[in-house]
PDB file of N, CA and C in Angstrom:
ATOM      1  N   MET A   1      29.697-188.191 -42.794  1.00  0.00           N
ATOM      2  CA  MET A   1      28.532-188.321 -41.941  1.00  0.00           C
ATOM      3  C   MET A   1      27.499-189.263 -42.572  1.00  0.00           C
ATOM      4  N   THR A   2      27.492-189.364 -43.885  1.00  0.00           N
ATOM      5  CA  THR A   2      26.564-190.273 -44.555  1.00  0.00           C
ATOM      6  C   THR A   2      26.783-191.708 -44.098  1.00  0.00           C
ATOM      7  N   GLY A   3      28.050-192.105 -43.992  1.00  0.00           N
ATOM      8  CA  GLY A   3      28.370-193.456 -43.536  1.00  0.00           C
ATOM      9  C   GLY A   3      27.918-193.710 -42.114  1.00  0.00           C
ATOM     10  N   VAL A   4      28.001-192.678 -41.276  1.00  0.00           N
ATOM     11  CA  VAL A   4      27.562-192.812 -39.876  1.00  0.00           C
ATOM     12  C   VAL A   4      26.064-193.063 -39.830  1.00  0.00           C
ATOM     13  N   PHE A   5      25.293-192.248 -40.552  1.00  0.00           N
ATOM     14  CA  PHE A   5      23.840-192.442 -40.544  1.00  0.00           C
ATOM     15  C   PHE A   5      23.444-193.757 -41.187  1.00  0.00           C
ATOM     16  N   ALA A   6      24.149-194.172 -42.237  1.00  0.00           N
ATOM     17  CA  ALA A   6      23.858-195.467 -42.863  1.00  0.00           C
ATOM     18  C   ALA A   6      24.120-196.602 -41.877  1.00  0.00           C
ATOM     19  N   ALA A   7      25.215-196.498 -41.140  1.00  0.00           N
ATOM     20  CA  ALA A   7      25.534-197.541 -40.153  1.00  0.00           C
ATOM     21  C   ALA A   7      24.503-197.551 -39.030  1.00  0.00           C
ATOM     22  N   LEU A   8      24.062-196.388 -38.605  1.00  0.00           N
ATOM     23  CA  LEU A   8      23.096-196.293 -37.508  1.00  0.00           C
ATOM     24  C   LEU A   8      21.685-196.692 -37.919  1.00  0.00           C
ATOM     25  N   ALA A   9      21.436-196.816 -39.210  1.00  0.00           N
ATOM     26  CA  ALA A   9      20.099-197.162 -39.685  1.00  0.00           C
ATOM     27  C   ALA A   9      19.696-198.584 -39.304  1.00  0.00           C
ATOM     28  N   ASP A  10      20.670-199.426 -39.031  1.00  0.00           N
ATOM     29  CA  ASP A  10      20.366-200.819 -38.722  1.00  0.00           C
ATOM     30  C   ASP A  10      20.278-201.045 -37.214  1.00  0.00           C
ATOM     31  N   PRO A  11      19.190-201.651 -36.717  1.00  0.00           N
ATOM     32  CA  PRO A  11      19.035-201.851 -35.268  1.00  0.00           C
ATOM     33  C   PRO A  11      20.097-202.772 -34.660  1.00  0.00           C
ATOM     34  N   THR A  12      20.587-203.731 -35.429  1.00  0.00           N
ATOM     35  CA  THR A  12      21.640-204.611 -34.913  1.00  0.00           C
ATOM     36  C   THR A  12      22.910-203.811 -34.663  1.00  0.00           C
ATOM     37  N   ARG A  13      23.251-202.928 -35.593  1.00  0.00           N
ATOM     38  CA  ARG A  13      24.458-202.126 -35.414  1.00  0.00           C
ATOM     39  C   ARG A  13      24.305-201.153 -34.246  1.00  0.00           C
ATOM     40  N   ARG A  14      23.113-200.603 -34.074  1.00  0.00           N
ATOM     41  CA  ARG A  14      22.893-199.724 -32.908  1.00  0.00           C
ATOM     42  C   ARG A  14      23.040-200.516 -31.619  1.00  0.00           C
ATOM     43  N   ALA A  15      22.543-201.738 -31.593  1.00  0.00           N
ATOM     44  CA  ALA A  15      22.666-202.583 -30.402  1.00  0.00           C
ATOM     45  C   ALA A  15      24.136-202.923 -30.130  1.00  0.00           C
ATOM     46  N   ILE A  16      24.893-203.154 -31.174  1.00  0.00           N
ATOM     47  CA  ILE A  16      26.320-203.441 -31.005  1.00  0.00           C
ATOM     48  C   ILE A  16      27.024-202.230 -30.392  1.00  0.00           C
ATOM     49  N   LEU A  17      26.722-201.038 -30.885  1.00  0.00           N
ATOM     50  CA  LEU A  17      27.336-199.828 -30.323  1.00  0.00           C
ATOM     51  C   LEU A  17      26.958-199.658 -28.857  1.00  0.00           C
ATOM     52  N   THR A  18      25.707-199.938 -28.529  1.00  0.00           N
ATOM     53  CA  THR A  18      25.274-199.847 -27.134  1.00  0.00           C
ATOM     54  C   THR A  18      26.072-200.810 -26.275  1.00  0.00           C
ATOM     55  N   ARG A  19      26.279-202.021 -26.761  1.00  0.00           N
ATOM     56  CA  ARG A  19      27.067-203.009 -26.020  1.00  0.00           C
ATOM     57  C   ARG A  19      28.503-202.529 -25.829  1.00  0.00           C
ATOM     58  N   LEU A  20      29.069-201.900 -26.848  1.00  0.00           N
ATOM     59  CA  LEU A  20      30.459-201.452 -26.780  1.00  0.00           C
ATOM     60  C   LEU A  20      30.653-200.246 -25.857  1.00  0.00           C
ATOM     61  N   LYS A  21      29.569-199.595 -25.468  1.00  0.00           N
ATOM     62  CA  LYS A  21      29.695-198.525 -24.461  1.00  0.00           C
ATOM     63  C   LYS A  21      30.243-199.092 -23.161  1.00  0.00           C
ATOM     64  N   GLY A  22      29.990-200.366 -22.907  1.00  0.00           N
ATOM     65  CA  GLY A  22      30.453-201.032 -21.694  1.00  0.00           C
ATOM     66  C   GLY A  22      31.885-201.525 -21.772  1.00  0.00           C
ATOM     67  N   GLY A  23      32.509-201.415 -22.924  1.00  0.00           N
ATOM     68  CA  GLY A  23      33.888-201.846 -23.073  1.00  0.00           C
ATOM     69  C   GLY A  23      34.098-202.688 -24.310  1.00  0.00           C
ATOM     70  N   ASP A  24      35.354-202.939 -24.618  1.00  0.00           N
ATOM     71  CA  ASP A  24      35.723-203.720 -25.794  1.00  0.00           C
ATOM     72  C   ASP A  24      35.144-205.129 -25.717  1.00  0.00           C
ATOM     73  N   ALA A  25      34.906-205.721 -26.884  1.00  0.00           N
ATOM     74  CA  ALA A  25      34.306-207.053 -26.927  1.00  0.00           C
ATOM     75  C   ALA A  25      34.767-207.799 -28.170  1.00  0.00           C
ATOM     76  N   THR A  26      34.754-209.106 -28.071  1.00  0.00           N
ATOM     77  CA  THR A  26      35.072-209.965 -29.214  1.00  0.00           C
ATOM     78  C   THR A  26      33.817-210.153 -30.067  1.00  0.00           C
ATOM     79  N   VAL A  27      34.012-210.707 -31.250  1.00  0.00           N
ATOM     80  CA  VAL A  27      32.872-211.006 -32.131  1.00  0.00           C
ATOM     81  C   VAL A  27      31.926-211.972 -31.439  1.00  0.00           C
ATOM     82  N   ALA A  28      32.472-212.982 -30.780  1.00  0.00           N
ATOM     83  CA  ALA A  28      31.632-213.974 -30.092  1.00  0.00           C
ATOM     84  C   ALA A  28      30.790-213.304 -29.012  1.00  0.00           C
ATOM     85  N   GLU A  29      31.384-212.401 -28.257  1.00  0.00           N
ATOM     86  CA  GLU A  29      30.633-211.697 -27.206  1.00  0.00           C
ATOM     87  C   GLU A  29      29.551-210.809 -27.803  1.00  0.00           C
ATOM     88  N   LEU A  30      29.868-210.164 -28.912  1.00  0.00           N
ATOM     89  CA  LEU A  30      28.885-209.294 -29.560  1.00  0.00           C
ATOM     90  C   LEU A  30      27.780-210.094 -30.229  1.00  0.00           C
ATOM     91  N   ALA A  31      28.096-211.289 -30.711  1.00  0.00           N
ATOM     92  CA  ALA A  31      27.108-212.125 -31.402  1.00  0.00           C
ATOM     93  C   ALA A  31      26.156-212.826 -30.436  1.00  0.00           C
ATOM     94  N   ALA A  32      26.570-212.999 -29.185  1.00  0.00           N
ATOM     95  CA  ALA A  32      25.802-213.799 -28.222  1.00  0.00           C
ATOM     96  C   ALA A  32      24.317-213.423 -28.120  1.00  0.00           C
ATOM     97  N   PRO A  33      23.944-212.146 -28.018  1.00  0.00           N
ATOM     98  CA  PRO A  33      22.520-211.843 -27.842  1.00  0.00           C
ATOM     99  C   PRO A  33      21.678-211.932 -29.123  1.00  0.00           C
ATOM    100  N   PHE A  34      22.315-212.138 -30.248  1.00  0.00           N
ATOM    101  CA  PHE A  34      21.602-212.136 -31.527  1.00  0.00           C
ATOM    102  C   PHE A  34      21.419-213.554 -32.053  1.00  0.00           C
ATOM    103  N   SER A  35      20.360-213.745 -32.809  1.00  0.00           N
ATOM    104  CA  SER A  35      20.146-215.048 -33.446  1.00  0.00           C
ATOM    105  C   SER A  35      20.729-214.996 -34.856  1.00  0.00           C
ATOM    106  N   MET A  36      22.032-214.731 -34.906  1.00  0.00           N
ATOM    107  CA  MET A  36      22.738-214.708 -36.185  1.00  0.00           C
ATOM    108  C   MET A  36      24.145-215.258 -35.968  1.00  0.00           C
ATOM    109  N   SER A  37      24.771-215.622 -37.039  1.00  0.00           N
ATOM    110  CA  SER A  37      26.103-216.220 -36.961  1.00  0.00           C
ATOM    111  C   SER A  37      27.165-215.150 -36.686  1.00  0.00           C
ATOM    112  N   GLN A  38      28.315-215.618 -36.246  1.00  0.00           N
ATOM    113  CA  GLN A  38      29.426-214.690 -36.037  1.00  0.00           C
ATOM    114  C   GLN A  38      29.856-214.025 -37.347  1.00  0.00           C
ATOM    115  N   PRO A  39      29.866-214.737 -38.485  1.00  0.00           N
ATOM    116  CA  PRO A  39      30.193-214.048 -39.738  1.00  0.00           C
ATOM    117  C   PRO A  39      29.200-212.920 -40.074  1.00  0.00           C
ATOM    118  N   ALA A  40      27.934-213.114 -39.744  1.00  0.00           N
ATOM    119  CA  ALA A  40      26.946-212.058 -39.983  1.00  0.00           C
ATOM    120  C   ALA A  40      27.234-210.851 -39.095  1.00  0.00           C
ATOM    121  N   VAL A  41      27.585-211.096 -37.840  1.00  0.00           N
ATOM    122  CA  VAL A  41      27.944-209.998 -36.937  1.00  0.00           C
ATOM    123  C   VAL A  41      29.213-209.320 -37.441  1.00  0.00           C
ATOM    124  N   SER A  42      30.152-210.097 -37.958  1.00  0.00           N
ATOM    125  CA  SER A  42      31.390-209.524 -38.510  1.00  0.00           C
ATOM    126  C   SER A  42      31.093-208.558 -39.653  1.00  0.00           C
ATOM    127  N   LYS A  43      30.086-208.864 -40.459  1.00  0.00           N
ATOM    128  CA  LYS A  43      29.699-207.955 -41.543  1.00  0.00           C
ATOM    129  C   LYS A  43      29.184-206.635 -40.974  1.00  0.00           C
ATOM    130  N   HIS A  44      28.406-206.707 -39.902  1.00  0.00           N
ATOM    131  CA  HIS A  44      27.933-205.484 -39.242  1.00  0.00           C
ATOM    132  C   HIS A  44      29.116-204.696 -38.681  1.00  0.00           C
ATOM    133  N   LEU A  45      30.070-205.409 -38.105  1.00  0.00           N
ATOM    134  CA  LEU A  45      31.252-204.743 -37.548  1.00  0.00           C
ATOM    135  C   LEU A  45      32.054-204.045 -38.645  1.00  0.00           C
ATOM    136  N   LYS A  46      32.112-204.645 -39.814  1.00  0.00           N
ATOM    137  CA  LYS A  46      32.832-204.028 -40.928  1.00  0.00           C
ATOM    138  C   LYS A  46      32.180-202.710 -41.324  1.00  0.00           C
ATOM    139  N   VAL A  47      30.858-202.674 -41.372  1.00  0.00           N
ATOM    140  CA  VAL A  47      30.134-201.437 -41.698  1.00  0.00           C
ATOM    141  C   VAL A  47      30.419-200.377 -40.632  1.00  0.00           C
ATOM    142  N   LEU A  48      30.372-200.769 -39.358  1.00  0.00           N
ATOM    143  CA  LEU A  48      30.648-199.829 -38.275  1.00  0.00           C
ATOM    144  C   LEU A  48      32.086-199.316 -38.344  1.00  0.00           C
ATOM    145  N   GLU A  49      33.009-200.193 -38.695  1.00  0.00           N
ATOM    146  CA  GLU A  49      34.413-199.789 -38.800  1.00  0.00           C
ATOM    147  C   GLU A  49      34.608-198.831 -39.976  1.00  0.00           C
ATOM    148  N   GLN A  50      33.978-199.103 -41.097  1.00  0.00           N
ATOM    149  CA  GLN A  50      34.091-198.221 -42.263  1.00  0.00           C
ATOM    150  C   GLN A  50      33.503-196.840 -41.983  1.00  0.00           C
ATOM    151  N   ALA A  51      32.500-196.790 -41.117  1.00  0.00           N
ATOM    152  CA  ALA A  51      31.892-195.504 -40.735  1.00  0.00           C
ATOM    153  C   ALA A  51      32.710-194.786 -39.669  1.00  0.00           C
ATOM    154  N   GLY A  52      33.742-195.438 -39.152  1.00  0.00           N
ATOM    155  CA  GLY A  52      34.577-194.836 -38.121  1.00  0.00           C
ATOM    156  C   GLY A  52      34.004-194.942 -36.725  1.00  0.00           C
ATOM    157  N   LEU A  53      32.932-195.739 -36.569  1.00  0.00           N
ATOM    158  CA  LEU A  53      32.267-195.844 -35.271  1.00  0.00           C
ATOM    159  C   LEU A  53      32.923-196.859 -34.342  1.00  0.00           C
ATOM    160  N   ILE A  54      33.710-197.757 -34.905  1.00  0.00           N
ATOM    161  CA  ILE A  54      34.477-198.691 -34.079  1.00  0.00           C
ATOM    162  C   ILE A  54      35.876-198.824 -34.659  1.00  0.00           C
ATOM    163  N   SER A  55      36.788-199.261 -33.825  1.00  0.00           N
ATOM    164  CA  SER A  55      38.107-199.683 -34.286  1.00  0.00           C
ATOM    165  C   SER A  55      38.285-201.120 -33.818  1.00  0.00           C
ATOM    166  N   ARG A  56      39.187-201.820 -34.471  1.00  0.00           N
ATOM    167  CA  ARG A  56      39.399-203.222 -34.113  1.00  0.00           C
ATOM    168  C   ARG A  56      40.880-203.445 -33.861  1.00  0.00           C
ATOM    169  N   SER A  57      41.170-204.254 -32.856  1.00  0.00           N
ATOM    170  CA  SER A  57      42.561-204.555 -32.509  1.00  0.00           C
ATOM    171  C   SER A  57      42.691-206.021 -32.147  1.00  0.00           C
ATOM    172  N   GLN A  58      43.900-206.479 -32.159  1.00  0.00           N
ATOM    173  CA  GLN A  58      44.186-207.879 -31.849  1.00  0.00           C
ATOM    174  C   GLN A  58      44.787-207.959 -30.450  1.00  0.00           C
ATOM    175  N   ARG A  59      44.239-208.831 -29.603  1.00  0.00           N
ATOM    176  CA  ARG A  59      44.834-209.134 -28.304  1.00  0.00           C
ATOM    177  C   ARG A  59      44.940-210.646 -28.210  1.00  0.00           C
ATOM    178  N   ALA A  60      46.188-211.141 -28.231  1.00  0.00           N
ATOM    179  CA  ALA A  60      46.448-212.583 -28.267  1.00  0.00           C
ATOM    180  C   ALA A  60      45.699-213.177 -29.457  1.00  0.00           C
ATOM    181  N   THR A  61      44.782-214.086 -29.215  1.00  0.00           N
ATOM    182  CA  THR A  61      44.032-214.693 -30.324  1.00  0.00           C
ATOM    183  C   THR A  61      42.674-214.038 -30.541  1.00  0.00           C
ATOM    184  N   ALA A  62      42.353-213.053 -29.722  1.00  0.00           N
ATOM    185  CA  ALA A  62      41.043-212.401 -29.822  1.00  0.00           C
ATOM    186  C   ALA A  62      41.151-211.098 -30.613  1.00  0.00           C
ATOM    187  N   ARG A  63      40.161-210.858 -31.450  1.00  0.00           N
ATOM    188  CA  ARG A  63      40.062-209.591 -32.161  1.00  0.00           C
ATOM    189  C   ARG A  63      38.977-208.779 -31.462  1.00  0.00           C
ATOM    190  N   LEU A  64      39.370-207.664 -30.884  1.00  0.00           N
ATOM    191  CA  LEU A  64      38.453-206.847 -30.088  1.00  0.00           C
ATOM    192  C   LEU A  64      37.916-205.669 -30.887  1.00  0.00           C
ATOM    193  N   SER A  65      36.662-205.333 -30.642  1.00  0.00           N
ATOM    194  CA  SER A  65      36.049-204.141 -31.215  1.00  0.00           C
ATOM    195  C   SER A  65      35.962-203.092 -30.123  1.00  0.00           C
ATOM    196  N   HIS A  66      36.224-201.846 -30.507  1.00  0.00           N
ATOM    197  CA  HIS A  66      36.258-200.729 -29.558  1.00  0.00           C
ATOM    198  C   HIS A  66      35.396-199.594 -30.104  1.00  0.00           C
ATOM    199  N   LEU A  67      34.550-199.029 -29.270  1.00  0.00           N
ATOM    200  CA  LEU A  67      33.693-197.912 -29.667  1.00  0.00           C
ATOM    201  C   LEU A  67      34.532-196.669 -29.924  1.00  0.00           C
ATOM    202  N   GLU A  68      34.295-196.033 -31.048  1.00  0.00           N
ATOM    203  CA  GLU A  68      34.898-194.744 -31.392  1.00  0.00           C
ATOM    204  C   GLU A  68      33.750-193.755 -31.528  1.00  0.00           C
ATOM    205  N   ALA A  69      33.478-193.009 -30.487  1.00  0.00           N
ATOM    206  CA  ALA A  69      32.267-192.183 -30.425  1.00  0.00           C
ATOM    207  C   ALA A  69      32.391-190.837 -31.128  1.00  0.00           C
ATOM    208  N   GLU A  70      33.582-190.427 -31.494  1.00  0.00           N
ATOM    209  CA  GLU A  70      33.761-189.096 -32.089  1.00  0.00           C
ATOM    210  C   GLU A  70      32.879-188.843 -33.317  1.00  0.00           C
ATOM    211  N   PRO A  71      32.726-189.804 -34.242  1.00  0.00           N
ATOM    212  CA  PRO A  71      31.844-189.536 -35.388  1.00  0.00           C
ATOM    213  C   PRO A  71      30.397-189.248 -34.969  1.00  0.00           C
ATOM    214  N   LEU A  72      29.997-189.749 -33.827  1.00  0.00           N
ATOM    215  CA  LEU A  72      28.634-189.466 -33.349  1.00  0.00           C
ATOM    216  C   LEU A  72      28.472-187.997 -32.986  1.00  0.00           C
ATOM    217  N   ARG A  73      29.568-187.353 -32.570  1.00  0.00           N
ATOM    218  CA  ARG A  73      29.507-185.930 -32.214  1.00  0.00           C
ATOM    219  C   ARG A  73      29.058-185.095 -33.407  1.00  0.00           C
ATOM    220  N   SER A  74      29.602-185.383 -34.587  1.00  0.00           N
ATOM    221  CA  SER A  74      29.208-184.658 -35.798  1.00  0.00           C
ATOM    222  C   SER A  74      27.740-184.895 -36.125  1.00  0.00           C
ATOM    223  N   ALA A  75      27.303-186.142 -35.994  1.00  0.00           N
ATOM    224  CA  ALA A  75      25.907-186.472 -36.280  1.00  0.00           C
ATOM    225  C   ALA A  75      24.973-185.761 -35.305  1.00  0.00           C
ATOM    226  N   VAL A  76      25.333-185.753 -34.032  1.00  0.00           N
ATOM    227  CA  VAL A  76      24.505-185.078 -33.028  1.00  0.00           C
ATOM    228  C   VAL A  76      24.462-183.581 -33.312  1.00  0.00           C
ATOM    229  N   GLY A  77      25.604-183.003 -33.666  1.00  0.00           N
ATOM    230  CA  GLY A  77      25.636-181.576 -33.996  1.00  0.00           C
ATOM    231  C   GLY A  77      24.715-181.236 -35.146  1.00  0.00           C
ATOM    232  N   TRP A  78      24.726-182.080 -36.172  1.00  0.00           N
ATOM    233  CA  TRP A  78      23.853-181.859 -37.318  1.00  0.00           C
ATOM    234  C   TRP A  78      22.387-181.961 -36.909  1.00  0.00           C
ATOM    235  N   LEU A  79      22.064-182.965 -36.095  1.00  0.00           N
ATOM    236  CA  LEU A  79      20.684-183.141 -35.640  1.00  0.00           C
ATOM    237  C   LEU A  79      20.228-181.993 -34.737  1.00  0.00           C
ATOM    238  N   MET A  80      21.144-181.477 -33.927  1.00  0.00           N
ATOM    239  CA  MET A  80      20.781-180.389 -33.009  1.00  0.00           C
ATOM    240  C   MET A  80      20.358-179.130 -33.763  1.00  0.00           C
ATOM    241  N   ASP A  81      20.881-178.939 -34.981  1.00  0.00           N
ATOM    242  CA  ASP A  81      20.447-177.806 -35.791  1.00  0.00           C
ATOM    243  C   ASP A  81      18.944-177.867 -36.055  1.00  0.00           C
ATOM    244  N   TYR A  82      18.407-179.063 -36.087  1.00  0.00           N
ATOM    245  CA  TYR A  82      16.980-179.234 -36.341  1.00  0.00           C
ATOM    246  C   TYR A  82      16.144-179.144 -35.074  1.00  0.00           C
ATOM    247  N   ARG A  83      16.766-179.190 -33.937  1.00  0.00           N
ATOM    248  CA  ARG A  83      16.035-179.071 -32.676  1.00  0.00           C
ATOM    249  C   ARG A  83      15.324-177.719 -32.590  1.00  0.00           C
ATOM    250  N   ALA A  84      16.027-176.662 -32.972  1.00  0.00           N
ATOM    251  CA  ALA A  84      15.422-175.325 -32.957  1.00  0.00           C
ATOM    252  C   ALA A  84      14.233-175.273 -33.911  1.00  0.00           C
ATOM    253  N   TYR A  85      14.367-175.900 -35.071  1.00  0.00           N
ATOM    254  CA  TYR A  85      13.272-175.936 -36.034  1.00  0.00           C
ATOM    255  C   TYR A  85      12.040-176.593 -35.428  1.00  0.00           C
ATOM    256  N   TRP A  86      12.244-177.760 -34.796  1.00  0.00           N
ATOM    257  CA  TRP A  86      11.106-178.475 -34.225  1.00  0.00           C
ATOM    258  C   TRP A  86      10.514-177.720 -33.038  1.00  0.00           C
ATOM    259  N   THR A  87      11.346-177.102 -32.249  1.00  0.00           N
ATOM    260  CA  THR A  87      10.843-176.321 -31.116  1.00  0.00           C
ATOM    261  C   THR A  87       9.968-175.183 -31.614  1.00  0.00           C
ATOM    262  N   GLU A  88      10.441-174.472 -32.642  1.00  0.00           N
ATOM    263  CA  GLU A  88       9.651-173.383 -33.216  1.00  0.00           C
ATOM    264  C   GLU A  88       8.353-173.909 -33.815  1.00  0.00           C
ATOM    265  N   SER A  89       8.417-175.054 -34.482  1.00  0.00           N
ATOM    266  CA  SER A  89       7.215-175.635 -35.086  1.00  0.00           C
ATOM    267  C   SER A  89       6.191-176.004 -34.022  1.00  0.00           C
ATOM    268  N   PHE A  90       6.646-176.596 -32.929  1.00  0.00           N
ATOM    269  CA  PHE A  90       5.733-176.957 -31.852  1.00  0.00           C
ATOM    270  C   PHE A  90       5.171-175.718 -31.166  1.00  0.00           C
ATOM    271  N   ASP A  91       5.982-174.685 -31.033  1.00  0.00           N
ATOM    272  CA  ASP A  91       5.496-173.431 -30.444  1.00  0.00           C
ATOM    273  C   ASP A  91       4.400-172.822 -31.321  1.00  0.00           C
ATOM    274  N   ARG A  92       4.599-172.852 -32.637  1.00  0.00           N
ATOM    275  CA  ARG A  92       3.571-172.329 -33.548  1.00  0.00           C
ATOM    276  C   ARG A  92       2.301-173.167 -33.462  1.00  0.00           C
ATOM    277  N   LEU A  93       2.449-174.473 -33.339  1.00  0.00           N
ATOM    278  CA  LEU A  93       1.285-175.343 -33.194  1.00  0.00           C
ATOM    279  C   LEU A  93       0.554-175.046 -31.897  1.00  0.00           C
ATOM    280  N   ASP A  94       1.294-174.847 -30.809  1.00  0.00           N
ATOM    281  CA  ASP A  94       0.660-174.482 -29.520  1.00  0.00           C
ATOM    282  C   ASP A  94      -0.120-173.187 -29.653  1.00  0.00           C
ATOM    283  N   ASP A  95       0.477-172.201 -30.327  1.00  0.00           N
ATOM    284  CA  ASP A  95      -0.202-170.916 -30.527  1.00  0.00           C
ATOM    285  C   ASP A  95      -1.484-171.095 -31.339  1.00  0.00           C
ATOM    286  N   LEU A  96      -1.411-171.913 -32.380  1.00  0.00           N
ATOM    287  CA  LEU A  96      -2.585-172.161 -33.213  1.00  0.00           C
ATOM    288  C   LEU A  96      -3.682-172.849 -32.412  1.00  0.00           C
ATOM    289  N   LEU A  97      -3.320-173.827 -31.607  1.00  0.00           N
ATOM    290  CA  LEU A  97      -4.309-174.541 -30.798  1.00  0.00           C
ATOM    291  C   LEU A  97      -4.948-173.621 -29.760  1.00  0.00           C
ATOM    292  N   GLU A  98      -4.164-172.729 -29.213  1.00  0.00           N
ATOM    293  CA  GLU A  98      -4.730-171.757 -28.265  1.00  0.00           C
ATOM    294  C   GLU A  98      -5.721-170.842 -28.942  1.00  0.00           C
ATOM    295  N   ASP A  99      -5.411-170.430 -30.186  1.00  0.00           N
ATOM    296  CA  ASP A  99      -6.308-169.539 -30.936  1.00  0.00           C
ATOM    297  C   ASP A  99      -7.620-170.236 -31.292  1.00  0.00           C
ATOM    298  N   LEU A 100      -7.549-171.537 -31.500  1.00  0.00           N
ATOM    299  CA  LEU A 100      -8.758-172.269 -31.883  1.00  0.00           C
ATOM    300  C   LEU A 100      -9.623-172.471 -30.660  1.00  0.00           C
TER     301      LEU A 100
END
């Protein structure tokens, strides 16, 4: 899970994952909206692949990236444990504000 959060820490990688929700894409397609080179995007893709968030395959001469969302399930589960904490904290704050 550490690798997932490290990969998600970068806004470019989050944008790439958002793009891949729409389907598989080549490096050129993923690089198009960014002001960076394809090799720079490839480095981001490598981090995402190492975190298990994408897989890569070859189709003819194109190398496609594919979203692998399963690792996000673990991250969401971990974060949801803190939802109860924050809800309780906000409820206590509401109670305090009412008392004041």
